[in-house]
Amino acid sequence: MAKKKTEEETTLNNSEEIVEPKEKKATKKKTEEETPVEDLEKVVESKEKPVKETKKKTVKKTTKSKDDTPIEGSENTLIPLNDYIRSGTYIGTKVITPHMRPYIYRRRNDGIAIINTNIIDEKLKEAAKYLADYNPDNVIIVCKREAGWRAVKLFSELTGIRVFTKKYPAGIITNTALPDFFETELVVICDPWIDKNALKDANMMKKKVLALCDTNNFTFGADKVIPCNNKSNKSLGVVFYILAREYLNVHRMDKKLPAMEEFIGEKLEDFIKEKKDDKLKEEELKKEQSKVEKLLKLSAEPQ
């Protein structure tokens, strides 16, 4: 009997020893299963935070002007963007050349191209710096179009740069036999088509060219381009007012800069009023014409 008891005790002890490691293994498995889940939750939380931050960084505010052009950085423009719009500097023509297409923002309903006002301002900044690198004796301006004569002459009086209006003397910078021959380094033209003789001479002598180009102009032979309306005295007045102001500042000339109205020849506000009056007159004429046409139709009908 004593032997049997000892055998039973030993088997019980052995069974307890076998059970204990199983329970330990089970607890180990539970902990192994639980810890990865907790770690995963932490990883997910850590991944979600940078995603939210990136979304916040990518959000940008954009504003647009009245003509639907972006005005980011408009605080640093040479003049207020409204002055470009009021003077019609951004108004092009119905023709758009491949050279001027990058500067175009859109077309109006009547087919006229609209130049981006921000690009006009950027190109004017570049042109002003480019022009300021030359002394007055090394620059000439050619403007055959009458709309720019007032602005160009005033620009010449302020800066001392020589100006040719009405007619450009052919060969004046190419033919050394002429008594009026002189050398120049930069030629500024107000229209590559009308001032083509000056452009041709400058290219022949390998001189630099700064050109004011409208949407219907080609930029062949021009080193710098100012996209603008080059057919209006308001637009040309604004352009040469800015160029004169920047040139005087860089060269530190002790000359008083006149108001923008002096370059244009009239106030922009008066110009806007005239436009409104013209529109009202056109509308009244159209109404009268429609009334006359109705009366003529009625009289032509058989009674």
Protein backbone atom coordinates (compact mmCIF):
# COMPACT_ATOMS: atom_id res chain seq x y z
CA MET A 1 0.00 0.00 0.00
CA ALA A 2 2.79 2.34 0.82
CA LYS A 3 4.29 1.68 -2.58
CA LYS A 4 0.99 2.50 -4.33
CA LYS A 5 0.70 5.79 -2.41
CA THR A 6 4.16 6.84 -3.39
CA GLU A 7 3.47 6.01 -7.06
CA GLU A 8 0.22 8.05 -6.99
CA GLU A 9 1.95 11.03 -5.35
CA THR A 10 4.74 10.92 -7.90
CA THR A 11 2.25 10.84 -10.80
CA LEU A 12 0.32 13.75 -9.27
CA ASN A 13 3.47 15.74 -8.79
CA ASN A 14 4.52 15.00 -12.36
CA SER A 15 1.10 16.04 -13.67
CA GLU A 16 1.31 19.33 -11.76
CA GLU A 17 4.75 19.96 -13.20
CA ILE A 18 3.42 19.32 -16.70
CA VAL A 19 0.37 21.57 -16.24
CA GLU A 20 2.35 24.52 -14.92
CA PRO A 21 4.45 25.09 -18.08
CA LYS A 22 1.33 24.82 -20.25
CA GLU A 23 -0.34 27.62 -18.28
CA LYS A 24 2.83 29.66 -18.56
CA LYS A 25 2.93 29.06 -22.30
CA ALA A 26 -0.68 30.12 -22.61
CA THR A 27 -0.01 33.36 -20.75
CA LYS A 28 3.03 33.99 -22.93
CA LYS A 29 0.92 33.50 -26.05
CA LYS A 30 -1.69 35.94 -24.75
CA THR A 31 0.92 38.57 -24.03
CA GLU A 32 2.49 38.04 -27.45
CA GLU A 33 -0.92 38.43 -29.10
CA GLU A 34 -1.82 41.52 -27.05
CA THR A 35 1.41 43.43 -27.42
CA PRO A 36 1.41 43.55 -31.24
CA VAL A 37 -2.11 44.98 -31.25
CA GLU A 38 -1.09 47.74 -28.86
CA ASP A 39 2.00 48.43 -30.94
CA LEU A 40 -0.09 48.57 -34.10
CA GLU A 41 -2.45 51.10 -32.56
CA LYS A 42 0.52 53.28 -31.62
CA VAL A 43 1.93 52.99 -35.15
CA VAL A 44 -1.42 53.90 -36.66
CA GLU A 45 -1.69 56.94 -34.41
CA SER A 46 1.84 58.03 -35.28
CA LYS A 47 1.09 57.65 -39.00
CA GLU A 48 -2.13 59.62 -38.84
CA LYS A 49 -0.48 62.71 -37.32
CA PRO A 50 1.93 63.53 -40.18
CA VAL A 51 -0.86 62.99 -42.73
CA LYS A 52 -2.94 65.66 -41.07
CA GLU A 53 0.04 68.02 -40.96
CA THR A 54 0.74 67.56 -44.66
CA LYS A 55 -2.86 68.34 -45.50
CA LYS A 56 -2.63 71.59 -43.60
CA LYS A 57 0.59 72.52 -45.41
CA THR A 58 -0.83 71.89 -48.87
CA VAL A 59 -3.84 74.15 -48.38
CA LYS A 60 -3.30 77.54 -50.09
CA LYS A 61 -5.49 80.58 -50.43
CA THR A 62 -5.87 82.07 -53.87
CA THR A 63 -7.43 85.38 -54.74
CA LYS A 64 -8.44 86.81 -58.08
CA SER A 65 -8.91 90.27 -59.47
CA LYS A 66 -11.92 91.69 -61.30
CA ASP A 67 -10.69 90.36 -64.65
CA ASP A 68 -10.14 86.91 -63.09
CA THR A 69 -6.36 87.24 -63.08
CA PRO A 70 -4.41 86.00 -60.04
CA ILE A 71 -3.07 88.83 -57.87
CA GLU A 72 -0.62 86.96 -55.64
CA GLY A 73 2.12 89.42 -54.67
CA SER A 74 0.15 92.40 -55.98
CA GLU A 75 1.38 94.46 -53.02
CA ASN A 76 4.84 94.63 -54.63
CA THR A 77 3.64 95.87 -58.03
CA LEU A 78 5.11 99.01 -59.59
CA ILE A 79 1.68 100.68 -59.63
CA PRO A 80 -1.72 99.42 -58.43
CA LEU A 81 -3.16 96.78 -60.75
CA ASN A 82 -6.30 98.90 -61.11
CA ASP A 83 -4.20 101.55 -62.91
CA TYR A 84 -3.19 98.97 -65.52
CA ILE A 85 -6.84 98.11 -65.98
CA ARG A 86 -8.10 101.71 -66.04
CA SER A 87 -5.48 102.77 -68.59
CA GLY A 88 -6.25 99.79 -70.83
CA THR A 89 -2.65 98.54 -70.72
CA TYR A 90 -3.89 94.95 -70.58
CA ILE A 91 -6.17 95.20 -73.65
CA GLY A 92 -4.74 93.55 -76.75
CA THR A 93 -6.13 92.92 -80.23
CA LYS A 94 -8.16 90.16 -81.85
CA VAL A 95 -4.96 88.76 -83.39
CA ILE A 96 -2.61 86.66 -81.23
CA THR A 97 0.79 85.70 -82.60
CA PRO A 98 2.60 82.57 -81.35
CA HIS A 99 5.29 84.79 -79.77
CA MET A 100 2.73 86.66 -77.63
CA ARG A 101 0.57 83.69 -76.65
CA PRO A 102 2.42 83.04 -73.33
CA TYR A 103 1.43 86.52 -72.12
CA ILE A 104 -2.29 86.14 -72.89
CA TYR A 105 -4.71 85.38 -70.09
CA ARG A 106 -7.98 84.91 -72.01
CA ARG A 107 -10.22 86.30 -74.74
CA ARG A 108 -13.21 88.52 -74.18
CA ASN A 109 -16.60 87.74 -75.67
CA ASP A 110 -15.88 90.13 -78.54
CA GLY A 111 -12.66 88.24 -79.37
CA ILE A 112 -10.19 90.79 -78.00
CA ALA A 113 -7.22 89.24 -76.17
CA ILE A 114 -6.50 90.14 -72.55
CA ILE A 115 -2.88 90.34 -71.36
CA ASN A 116 -2.15 89.15 -67.83
CA THR A 117 -1.59 92.25 -65.67
CA ASN A 118 0.84 90.42 -63.37
CA ILE A 119 3.03 89.51 -66.34
CA ILE A 120 2.95 93.13 -67.55
CA ASP A 121 4.19 94.27 -64.15
CA GLU A 122 6.94 91.62 -64.01
CA LYS A 123 8.18 92.44 -67.51
CA LEU A 124 8.16 96.16 -66.73
CA LYS A 125 10.36 95.49 -63.69
CA GLU A 126 12.81 93.53 -65.84
CA ALA A 127 12.77 96.21 -68.56
CA ALA A 128 13.36 99.03 -66.05
CA LYS A 129 16.43 97.25 -64.63
CA TYR A 130 17.65 96.45 -68.14
CA LEU A 131 17.26 100.07 -69.27
CA ALA A 132 18.93 101.44 -66.13
CA ASP A 133 22.17 99.63 -67.02
CA TYR A 134 22.74 102.06 -69.91
CA ASN A 135 23.71 105.72 -69.81
CA PRO A 136 21.44 108.24 -71.59
CA ASP A 137 24.02 108.75 -74.37
CA ASN A 138 23.90 105.05 -75.26
CA VAL A 139 20.11 104.74 -75.68
CA ILE A 140 17.64 105.92 -78.31
CA ILE A 141 13.83 105.60 -78.45
CA VAL A 142 11.91 105.29 -81.70
CA CYS A 143 8.15 105.92 -81.73
CA LYS A 144 6.47 106.50 -85.06
CA ARG A 145 2.93 106.13 -83.66
CA GLU A 146 1.39 109.47 -82.71
CA ALA A 147 -0.30 108.04 -79.61
CA GLY A 148 3.09 107.76 -77.87
CA TRP A 149 4.65 111.08 -78.82
CA ARG A 150 3.63 112.95 -75.68
CA ALA A 151 4.89 110.25 -73.28
CA VAL A 152 8.13 109.67 -75.20
CA LYS A 153 9.02 113.38 -75.39
CA LEU A 154 8.40 113.86 -71.68
CA PHE A 155 10.51 110.77 -70.98
CA SER A 156 13.33 112.28 -73.08
CA GLU A 157 13.17 115.61 -71.22
CA LEU A 158 13.52 113.85 -67.86
CA THR A 159 16.20 111.28 -68.70
CA GLY A 160 18.18 112.94 -71.52
CA ILE A 161 17.68 109.95 -73.82
CA ARG A 162 17.42 110.81 -77.53
CA VAL A 163 14.00 110.24 -79.12
CA PHE A 164 12.92 109.89 -82.76
CA THR A 165 9.23 110.52 -83.48
CA LYS A 166 7.26 110.91 -86.73
CA LYS A 167 10.12 109.61 -88.89
CA TYR A 168 13.22 107.58 -88.15
CA PRO A 169 16.24 108.69 -90.27
CA ALA A 170 17.33 105.58 -92.12
CA GLY A 171 20.99 104.62 -91.64
CA ILE A 172 21.60 107.05 -88.80
CA ILE A 173 23.25 104.29 -86.73
CA THR A 174 24.61 102.23 -89.63
CA ASN A 175 26.01 104.63 -92.24
CA THR A 176 29.18 106.34 -91.00
CA ALA A 177 29.15 108.70 -93.99
CA LEU A 178 26.07 110.53 -92.72
CA PRO A 179 26.74 113.80 -90.86
CA ASP A 180 24.23 112.84 -88.14
CA PHE A 181 25.72 109.38 -87.61
CA PHE A 182 26.15 108.28 -84.00
CA GLU A 183 26.69 105.05 -82.10
CA THR A 184 24.28 103.59 -79.60
CA GLU A 185 24.08 100.45 -77.49
CA LEU A 186 20.32 100.08 -76.90
CA VAL A 187 17.34 100.83 -79.17
CA VAL A 188 13.85 101.09 -77.63
CA ILE A 189 10.97 100.68 -80.11
CA CYS A 190 7.28 101.16 -79.41
CA ASP A 191 6.04 98.78 -82.13
CA PRO A 192 8.16 96.20 -83.96
CA TRP A 193 6.01 96.56 -87.10
CA ILE A 194 5.78 100.36 -87.41
CA ASP A 195 9.35 100.89 -86.18
CA LYS A 196 10.73 98.03 -88.29
CA ASN A 197 13.46 100.21 -89.89
CA ALA A 198 14.98 100.98 -86.50
CA LEU A 199 14.71 97.32 -85.53
CA LYS A 200 16.44 96.28 -88.76
CA ASP A 201 19.30 98.75 -88.23
CA ALA A 202 19.77 97.65 -84.62
CA ASN A 203 19.93 93.98 -85.61
CA MET A 204 22.33 94.79 -88.45
CA MET A 205 24.70 96.52 -86.02
CA LYS A 206 24.10 93.83 -83.38
CA LYS A 207 22.71 96.28 -80.85
CA LYS A 208 20.33 95.39 -78.03
CA VAL A 209 16.60 96.00 -78.57
CA LEU A 210 13.84 96.65 -76.03
CA ALA A 211 10.41 96.37 -77.68
CA LEU A 212 6.88 97.21 -76.56
CA CYS A 213 4.77 94.43 -78.10
CA ASP A 214 1.02 94.03 -78.47
CA THR A 215 -0.73 90.72 -79.03
CA ASN A 216 -0.44 91.07 -82.83
CA ASN A 217 3.35 91.66 -82.81
CA PHE A 218 6.21 89.27 -83.48
CA THR A 219 9.27 89.50 -81.23
CA PHE A 220 11.94 88.68 -83.84
CA GLY A 221 15.16 90.57 -83.06
CA ALA A 222 14.02 91.84 -79.64
CA ASP A 223 16.18 91.09 -76.61
CA LYS A 224 13.61 92.28 -74.06
CA VAL A 225 9.83 92.50 -74.46
CA ILE A 226 7.20 94.53 -72.60
CA PRO A 227 3.78 93.01 -73.36
CA CYS A 228 1.26 95.86 -73.41
CA ASN A 229 -1.23 97.81 -75.44
CA ASN A 230 1.10 99.88 -77.66
CA LYS A 231 -1.68 101.64 -79.58
CA SER A 232 -3.18 103.83 -76.85
CA ASN A 233 -1.83 107.06 -75.38
CA LYS A 234 -3.10 105.96 -71.93
CA SER A 235 -1.24 102.67 -72.02
CA LEU A 236 1.98 104.13 -73.47
CA GLY A 237 1.82 106.95 -70.93
CA VAL A 238 1.66 104.48 -68.05
CA VAL A 239 4.57 102.42 -69.42
CA PHE A 240 6.90 105.40 -69.94
CA TYR A 241 5.88 106.92 -66.61
CA ILE A 242 7.08 103.76 -64.84
CA LEU A 243 10.29 103.54 -66.92
CA ALA A 244 11.08 107.22 -66.25
CA ARG A 245 10.48 106.87 -62.52
CA GLU A 246 12.71 103.81 -62.19
CA TYR A 247 15.43 105.32 -64.41
CA LEU A 248 15.56 108.52 -62.36
CA ASN A 249 15.75 106.55 -59.11
CA VAL A 250 18.60 104.31 -60.26
CA HIS A 251 20.69 107.13 -61.77
CA ARG A 252 19.78 109.50 -58.91
CA MET A 253 18.85 112.40 -61.16
CA ASP A 254 17.64 115.53 -59.37
CA LYS A 255 14.54 116.00 -61.47
CA LYS A 256 10.95 116.13 -60.31
CA LEU A 257 8.85 113.36 -61.79
CA PRO A 258 5.52 114.68 -63.13
CA ALA A 259 2.26 112.94 -62.34
CA MET A 260 1.08 110.05 -64.46
CA GLU A 261 -1.59 112.30 -65.99
CA GLU A 262 1.17 114.39 -67.62
CA PHE A 263 2.41 111.33 -69.53
CA ILE A 264 -1.10 110.28 -70.51
CA GLY A 265 -2.44 113.74 -71.35
CA GLU A 266 -5.58 113.38 -69.25
CA LYS A 267 -6.82 111.94 -66.00
CA LEU A 268 -7.74 108.29 -65.92
CA GLU A 269 -10.98 109.12 -64.14
CA ASP A 270 -12.02 111.48 -66.94
CA PHE A 271 -11.14 108.78 -69.46
CA ILE A 272 -13.41 106.30 -67.66
CA LYS A 273 -16.28 108.82 -67.62
CA GLU A 274 -15.86 109.43 -71.34
CA LYS A 275 -16.04 105.69 -71.98
CA LYS A 276 -19.25 105.39 -69.97
CA ASP A 277 -20.80 108.33 -71.83
CA ASP A 278 -19.83 106.79 -75.17
CA LYS A 279 -21.46 103.50 -74.17
CA LEU A 280 -24.67 105.27 -73.15
CA LYS A 281 -24.74 107.14 -76.47
CA GLU A 282 -24.23 103.90 -78.39
CA GLU A 283 -27.06 102.22 -76.49
CA GLU A 284 -29.39 105.15 -77.20
CA LEU A 285 -28.51 105.05 -80.90
CA LYS A 286 -29.20 101.33 -81.04
CA LYS A 287 -32.60 101.83 -79.43
CA GLU A 288 -33.51 104.57 -81.91
CA GLN A 289 -32.37 102.42 -84.83
CA SER A 290 -34.50 99.50 -83.63
CA LYS A 291 -37.54 101.79 -83.36
CA VAL A 292 -37.00 103.10 -86.90
CA GLU A 293 -36.63 99.56 -88.23
CA LYS A 294 -39.91 98.51 -86.56
CA LEU A 295 -41.74 101.48 -88.06
CA LEU A 296 -40.35 100.70 -91.52
CA LYS A 297 -41.51 97.08 -91.23
CA LEU A 298 -44.99 98.15 -90.18
CA SER A 299 -45.26 100.60 -93.06
CA ALA A 300 -44.04 97.97 -95.53
CA GLU A 301 -46.69 95.42 -94.48
CA PRO A 302 -49.79 95.28 -96.74
CA GLN A 303 -52.89 96.75 -95.15
